[in-house]
Amino acid sequence: MTFDFFCNYCLAKKSVVEAFPFNEVTLVFKVGGKMFALADVIEFSSINLKCNPEKAVELRERFMAVQPGYHMSKKHWNTVELLSDVDDKLLMELIDDSYQLVVESLPKKIKYEIEVG
């Protein structure tokens, strides 16, 4: 997966914005003000994604490239190494899952605005 594809894939989702809240190299994608994906814009070698805790453990056991989230909650976030045993199709599914987890956690009003918007 290329950096441009990753960015465009995330931005194509409803109500997604990009930001640099931590520093000038860590690109964060948010929906409803909450993060669902992060990546380094200089060294695009991995992506941090939110994940259901049970699924996070399963993915870590199944794929060498999936590790507990770097600088994130190890329970709810995974770091997925690119150019690894995780193909682009699965990576897109993981991005979708991360986005959906965040949307589902939002207050009803914000979730409604996203779904209608």
N, C-alpha and C. Protein backbone atom coordinates (compact mmCIF):
# COMPACT_ATOMS: atom_id res chain seq x y z
N MET A 1 0.85 -1.17 0.00
CA MET A 1 0.00 0.00 0.00
C MET A 1 0.90 1.24 0.00
N THR A 2 0.60 2.13 -0.88
CA THR A 2 1.36 3.38 -0.94
C THR A 2 0.78 4.39 0.04
N PHE A 3 1.57 5.40 0.35
CA PHE A 3 1.12 6.46 1.24
C PHE A 3 -0.10 7.17 0.66
N ASP A 4 -0.03 7.49 -0.63
CA ASP A 4 -1.15 8.19 -1.28
C ASP A 4 -2.43 7.36 -1.24
N PHE A 5 -2.31 6.06 -1.51
CA PHE A 5 -3.49 5.20 -1.47
C PHE A 5 -4.08 5.18 -0.06
N PHE A 6 -3.22 5.03 0.94
CA PHE A 6 -3.66 5.03 2.33
C PHE A 6 -4.42 6.31 2.66
N CYS A 7 -3.85 7.44 2.33
CA CYS A 7 -4.50 8.73 2.63
C CYS A 7 -5.83 8.85 1.91
N ASN A 8 -5.85 8.55 0.63
CA ASN A 8 -7.09 8.66 -0.14
C ASN A 8 -8.15 7.69 0.36
N TYR A 9 -7.74 6.50 0.76
CA TYR A 9 -8.68 5.50 1.27
C TYR A 9 -9.33 6.00 2.57
N CYS A 10 -8.52 6.55 3.45
CA CYS A 10 -9.06 7.08 4.71
C CYS A 10 -9.95 8.29 4.47
N LEU A 11 -9.49 9.21 3.63
CA LEU A 11 -10.25 10.43 3.38
C LEU A 11 -11.55 10.20 2.62
N ALA A 12 -11.68 9.08 1.93
CA ALA A 12 -12.90 8.76 1.19
C ALA A 12 -14.06 8.38 2.13
N LYS A 13 -13.76 8.10 3.37
CA LYS A 13 -14.80 7.74 4.34
C LYS A 13 -15.52 9.00 4.82
N LYS A 14 -16.78 8.83 5.20
CA LYS A 14 -17.61 9.96 5.62
C LYS A 14 -17.01 10.70 6.82
N SER A 15 -16.98 12.02 6.69
CA SER A 15 -16.62 12.95 7.79
C SER A 15 -15.20 12.78 8.32
N VAL A 16 -14.30 12.27 7.52
CA VAL A 16 -12.91 12.09 7.97
C VAL A 16 -12.12 13.37 7.72
N VAL A 17 -11.32 13.72 8.71
CA VAL A 17 -10.40 14.84 8.59
C VAL A 17 -9.00 14.35 8.93
N GLU A 18 -8.01 15.04 8.41
CA GLU A 18 -6.63 14.70 8.73
C GLU A 18 -6.03 15.83 9.55
N ALA A 19 -5.08 15.46 10.42
CA ALA A 19 -4.47 16.45 11.30
C ALA A 19 -3.07 15.97 11.71
N PHE A 20 -2.32 16.89 12.27
CA PHE A 20 -0.99 16.61 12.82
C PHE A 20 -0.97 17.07 14.28
N PRO A 21 -1.74 16.40 15.17
CA PRO A 21 -1.84 16.88 16.55
C PRO A 21 -0.61 16.62 17.42
N PHE A 22 0.25 15.70 17.01
CA PHE A 22 1.39 15.32 17.85
C PHE A 22 2.69 15.98 17.41
N ASN A 23 2.94 15.98 16.12
CA ASN A 23 4.15 16.57 15.55
C ASN A 23 3.94 16.73 14.05
N GLU A 24 4.96 17.17 13.35
CA GLU A 24 4.80 17.45 11.92
C GLU A 24 4.96 16.22 11.02
N VAL A 25 5.23 15.06 11.59
CA VAL A 25 5.41 13.85 10.76
C VAL A 25 4.36 12.77 11.02
N THR A 26 3.60 12.87 12.10
CA THR A 26 2.60 11.85 12.41
C THR A 26 1.23 12.32 11.93
N LEU A 27 0.80 11.76 10.81
CA LEU A 27 -0.49 12.10 10.22
C LEU A 27 -1.57 11.27 10.90
N VAL A 28 -2.62 11.95 11.36
CA VAL A 28 -3.72 11.31 12.07
C VAL A 28 -5.01 11.52 11.29
N PHE A 29 -5.77 10.44 11.13
CA PHE A 29 -7.09 10.53 10.52
C PHE A 29 -8.11 10.38 11.62
N LYS A 30 -9.10 11.30 11.63
CA LYS A 30 -10.12 11.32 12.68
C LYS A 30 -11.51 11.33 12.07
N VAL A 31 -12.45 10.78 12.83
CA VAL A 31 -13.87 10.90 12.51
C VAL A 31 -14.57 11.28 13.81
N GLY A 32 -15.42 12.29 13.74
CA GLY A 32 -16.09 12.75 14.94
C GLY A 32 -15.13 13.22 16.02
N GLY A 33 -13.96 13.68 15.63
CA GLY A 33 -12.96 14.17 16.57
C GLY A 33 -12.11 13.10 17.22
N LYS A 34 -12.31 11.83 16.83
CA LYS A 34 -11.55 10.73 17.42
C LYS A 34 -10.68 10.05 16.36
N MET A 35 -9.49 9.64 16.78
CA MET A 35 -8.53 9.01 15.88
C MET A 35 -8.95 7.59 15.50
N PHE A 36 -8.69 7.24 14.22
CA PHE A 36 -8.86 5.85 13.83
C PHE A 36 -7.66 5.31 13.06
N ALA A 37 -6.77 6.18 12.59
CA ALA A 37 -5.57 5.73 11.87
C ALA A 37 -4.47 6.77 12.01
N LEU A 38 -3.22 6.28 12.13
CA LEU A 38 -2.06 7.14 12.23
C LEU A 38 -0.93 6.55 11.40
N ALA A 39 -0.12 7.42 10.83
CA ALA A 39 1.05 6.96 10.09
C ALA A 39 2.10 8.06 10.04
N ASP A 40 3.34 7.65 9.90
CA ASP A 40 4.46 8.57 9.75
C ASP A 40 4.55 8.97 8.28
N VAL A 41 4.54 10.28 8.00
CA VAL A 41 4.56 10.74 6.61
C VAL A 41 5.94 10.63 5.97
N ILE A 42 6.99 10.58 6.75
CA ILE A 42 8.35 10.48 6.23
C ILE A 42 8.72 9.01 6.02
N GLU A 43 8.56 8.24 7.07
CA GLU A 43 8.92 6.82 7.04
C GLU A 43 7.63 5.99 7.08
N PHE A 44 6.96 5.92 5.96
CA PHE A 44 5.67 5.22 5.87
C PHE A 44 5.92 3.71 5.83
N SER A 45 6.18 3.15 7.00
CA SER A 45 6.48 1.71 7.07
C SER A 45 5.47 0.94 7.91
N SER A 46 4.60 1.67 8.60
CA SER A 46 3.57 1.01 9.41
C SER A 46 2.40 1.96 9.60
N ILE A 47 1.27 1.37 10.04
CA ILE A 47 0.06 2.14 10.30
C ILE A 47 -0.48 1.70 11.66
N ASN A 48 -0.90 2.65 12.47
CA ASN A 48 -1.58 2.33 13.73
C ASN A 48 -3.08 2.39 13.50
N LEU A 49 -3.78 1.33 13.92
CA LEU A 49 -5.22 1.23 13.73
C LEU A 49 -5.91 0.76 15.00
N LYS A 50 -7.06 1.30 15.26
CA LYS A 50 -7.86 0.87 16.40
C LYS A 50 -8.43 -0.51 16.07
N CYS A 51 -8.62 -1.33 17.11
CA CYS A 51 -9.07 -2.70 16.88
C CYS A 51 -9.83 -3.21 18.10
N ASN A 52 -10.83 -4.02 17.85
CA ASN A 52 -11.52 -4.72 18.93
C ASN A 52 -10.48 -5.52 19.69
N PRO A 53 -10.47 -5.47 21.04
CA PRO A 53 -9.42 -6.14 21.81
C PRO A 53 -9.25 -7.64 21.52
N GLU A 54 -10.34 -8.36 21.36
CA GLU A 54 -10.23 -9.80 21.07
C GLU A 54 -9.63 -10.04 19.69
N LYS A 55 -10.09 -9.25 18.72
CA LYS A 55 -9.57 -9.38 17.37
C LYS A 55 -8.10 -8.95 17.30
N ALA A 56 -7.74 -7.95 18.11
CA ALA A 56 -6.36 -7.48 18.14
C ALA A 56 -5.42 -8.62 18.52
N VAL A 57 -5.79 -9.36 19.55
CA VAL A 57 -4.97 -10.50 19.99
C VAL A 57 -4.90 -11.56 18.89
N GLU A 58 -6.03 -11.86 18.28
CA GLU A 58 -6.07 -12.86 17.21
C GLU A 58 -5.15 -12.47 16.05
N LEU A 59 -5.21 -11.20 15.65
CA LEU A 59 -4.37 -10.72 14.55
C LEU A 59 -2.89 -10.80 14.90
N ARG A 60 -2.55 -10.47 16.13
CA ARG A 60 -1.15 -10.51 16.57
C ARG A 60 -0.62 -11.94 16.57
N GLU A 61 -1.48 -12.89 16.90
CA GLU A 61 -1.07 -14.29 16.89
C GLU A 61 -0.96 -14.84 15.47
N ARG A 62 -1.75 -14.32 14.57
CA ARG A 62 -1.82 -14.83 13.20
C ARG A 62 -0.79 -14.21 12.25
N PHE A 63 -0.46 -12.94 12.48
CA PHE A 63 0.43 -12.22 11.56
C PHE A 63 1.64 -11.66 12.29
N MET A 64 2.82 -11.92 11.76
CA MET A 64 4.04 -11.37 12.35
C MET A 64 4.05 -9.84 12.29
N ALA A 65 3.42 -9.27 11.28
CA ALA A 65 3.45 -7.83 11.06
C ALA A 65 2.51 -7.05 11.97
N VAL A 66 1.66 -7.73 12.71
CA VAL A 66 0.71 -7.04 13.59
C VAL A 66 1.22 -7.13 15.02
N GLN A 67 1.47 -5.96 15.60
CA GLN A 67 2.03 -5.86 16.94
C GLN A 67 1.16 -4.91 17.77
N PRO A 68 1.28 -4.96 19.09
CA PRO A 68 0.55 -3.98 19.92
C PRO A 68 0.89 -2.56 19.48
N GLY A 69 -0.09 -1.68 19.54
CA GLY A 69 0.07 -0.32 19.05
C GLY A 69 1.25 0.43 19.63
N TYR A 70 2.11 0.93 18.76
CA TYR A 70 3.29 1.70 19.16
C TYR A 70 2.83 3.04 19.71
N HIS A 71 3.19 3.36 20.94
CA HIS A 71 2.80 4.60 21.63
C HIS A 71 1.29 4.75 21.77
N MET A 72 0.56 3.62 21.79
CA MET A 72 -0.90 3.66 21.89
C MET A 72 -1.33 2.67 22.97
N SER A 73 -2.62 2.65 23.26
CA SER A 73 -3.15 1.64 24.17
C SER A 73 -2.95 0.27 23.53
N LYS A 74 -2.19 -0.58 24.18
CA LYS A 74 -1.87 -1.90 23.61
C LYS A 74 -3.12 -2.78 23.51
N LYS A 75 -4.12 -2.47 24.29
CA LYS A 75 -5.36 -3.26 24.27
C LYS A 75 -6.22 -2.93 23.05
N HIS A 76 -6.27 -1.66 22.66
CA HIS A 76 -7.20 -1.21 21.63
C HIS A 76 -6.56 -0.81 20.30
N TRP A 77 -5.25 -0.85 20.21
CA TRP A 77 -4.58 -0.41 18.99
C TRP A 77 -3.53 -1.43 18.55
N ASN A 78 -3.41 -1.58 17.24
CA ASN A 78 -2.37 -2.40 16.63
C ASN A 78 -1.51 -1.53 15.73
N THR A 79 -0.25 -1.88 15.64
CA THR A 79 0.64 -1.34 14.63
C THR A 79 0.82 -2.43 13.59
N VAL A 80 0.53 -2.09 12.34
CA VAL A 80 0.63 -3.06 11.24
C VAL A 80 1.78 -2.63 10.34
N GLU A 81 2.80 -3.48 10.26
CA GLU A 81 3.93 -3.20 9.38
C GLU A 81 3.50 -3.40 7.93
N LEU A 82 3.93 -2.48 7.08
CA LEU A 82 3.62 -2.58 5.66
C LEU A 82 4.64 -3.47 4.96
N LEU A 83 4.34 -3.88 3.76
CA LEU A 83 5.22 -4.76 2.98
C LEU A 83 5.57 -6.00 3.80
N SER A 84 4.54 -6.66 4.29
CA SER A 84 4.72 -7.77 5.21
C SER A 84 3.75 -8.90 4.88
N ASP A 85 3.42 -9.69 5.87
CA ASP A 85 2.49 -10.80 5.67
C ASP A 85 1.03 -10.36 5.72
N VAL A 86 0.78 -9.06 5.82
CA VAL A 86 -0.59 -8.52 5.75
C VAL A 86 -0.75 -7.87 4.38
N ASP A 87 -1.62 -8.46 3.55
CA ASP A 87 -1.80 -7.91 2.20
C ASP A 87 -2.70 -6.67 2.23
N ASP A 88 -2.74 -5.96 1.11
CA ASP A 88 -3.50 -4.71 1.03
C ASP A 88 -4.99 -4.91 1.27
N LYS A 89 -5.53 -6.02 0.81
CA LYS A 89 -6.96 -6.28 1.01
C LYS A 89 -7.28 -6.35 2.51
N LEU A 90 -6.49 -7.09 3.27
CA LEU A 90 -6.70 -7.18 4.70
C LEU A 90 -6.44 -5.83 5.37
N LEU A 91 -5.44 -5.13 4.91
CA LEU A 91 -5.13 -3.81 5.48
C LEU A 91 -6.32 -2.86 5.30
N MET A 92 -6.95 -2.89 4.15
CA MET A 92 -8.13 -2.06 3.93
C MET A 92 -9.27 -2.48 4.87
N GLU A 93 -9.43 -3.78 5.09
CA GLU A 93 -10.45 -4.26 6.02
C GLU A 93 -10.16 -3.77 7.44
N LEU A 94 -8.90 -3.77 7.82
CA LEU A 94 -8.53 -3.30 9.15
C LEU A 94 -8.77 -1.80 9.31
N ILE A 95 -8.52 -1.04 8.25
CA ILE A 95 -8.82 0.40 8.26
C ILE A 95 -10.33 0.60 8.39
N ASP A 96 -11.10 -0.18 7.62
CA ASP A 96 -12.56 -0.10 7.71
C ASP A 96 -13.05 -0.41 9.12
N ASP A 97 -12.50 -1.48 9.71
CA ASP A 97 -12.89 -1.87 11.07
C ASP A 97 -12.56 -0.77 12.07
N SER A 98 -11.39 -0.17 11.93
CA SER A 98 -10.96 0.89 12.84
C SER A 98 -11.92 2.08 12.75
N TYR A 99 -12.22 2.48 11.53
CA TYR A 99 -13.15 3.59 11.31
C TYR A 99 -14.51 3.27 11.94
N GLN A 100 -15.02 2.07 11.69
CA GLN A 100 -16.34 1.69 12.19
C GLN A 100 -16.37 1.63 13.71
N LEU A 101 -15.32 1.12 14.33
CA LEU A 101 -15.25 1.09 15.79
C LEU A 101 -15.36 2.49 16.38
N VAL A 102 -14.68 3.43 15.77
CA VAL A 102 -14.72 4.80 16.27
C VAL A 102 -16.10 5.41 16.05
N VAL A 103 -16.67 5.22 14.87
CA VAL A 103 -18.01 5.76 14.60
C VAL A 103 -19.02 5.20 15.60
N GLU A 104 -18.95 3.91 15.86
CA GLU A 104 -19.88 3.28 16.79
C GLU A 104 -19.73 3.80 18.22
N SER A 105 -18.56 4.30 18.57
CA SER A 105 -18.32 4.80 19.92
C SER A 105 -18.74 6.26 20.11
N LEU A 106 -19.10 6.93 19.03
CA LEU A 106 -19.44 8.35 19.10
C LEU A 106 -20.83 8.56 19.71
N PRO A 107 -21.06 9.73 20.28
CA PRO A 107 -22.40 10.06 20.77
C PRO A 107 -23.42 9.97 19.64
N LYS A 108 -24.66 9.66 19.98
CA LYS A 108 -25.71 9.46 18.98
C LYS A 108 -25.85 10.64 18.02
N LYS A 109 -25.78 11.84 18.54
CA LYS A 109 -25.96 13.03 17.70
C LYS A 109 -24.88 13.11 16.62
N ILE A 110 -23.64 12.90 17.02
CA ILE A 110 -22.52 12.98 16.06
C ILE A 110 -22.60 11.82 15.07
N LYS A 111 -22.92 10.64 15.57
CA LYS A 111 -23.06 9.47 14.69
C LYS A 111 -24.16 9.71 13.66
N TYR A 112 -25.26 10.28 14.08
CA TYR A 112 -26.37 10.58 13.17
C TYR A 112 -25.93 11.57 12.10
N GLU A 113 -25.21 12.61 12.50
CA GLU A 113 -24.72 13.61 11.54
C GLU A 113 -23.79 12.98 10.51
N ILE A 114 -22.98 12.02 10.93
CA ILE A 114 -22.06 11.34 10.01
C ILE A 114 -22.86 10.46 9.04
N GLU A 115 -23.80 9.72 9.58
CA GLU A 115 -24.58 8.80 8.76
C GLU A 115 -25.47 9.53 7.76
N VAL A 116 -26.01 10.68 8.15
CA VAL A 116 -26.88 11.45 7.27
C VAL A 116 -26.07 12.31 6.31
N GLY A 117 -24.98 12.87 6.84
CA GLY A 117 -24.17 13.83 6.12
C GLY A 117 -23.61 13.36 4.87
